[in-house]
Amino acid sequence: MDTGMLANVLGPDGLIVVIVAGVVLLFGGARIPKLARGLGSASHEFKRGLAEGDRDARADAGSSESRSRPN
């Protein structure tokens, strides 16, 4: 079944309800909070890693500039 046709029949809100109901049936009501918690934790770790990499890149750029500048 084409999702475009399903969206036309149910509307955009109905499609979201169908997706949420499918997730609840697939994983069960008890596991959804655990999945959400794990997803939030993964997102937090990813953002922390990006910030750390950004900080390291700035530190490397600053140290290479100080070495390349003639006194």
Foldseek 3Di string as FASTA:
>chain_A
DDVVVVCVVQPPVRVVVVVVVVVCVVQNPVCVVVVVVVVVVVVVVVVVVVVVVVVVVVVVVVVVVVVPDDD
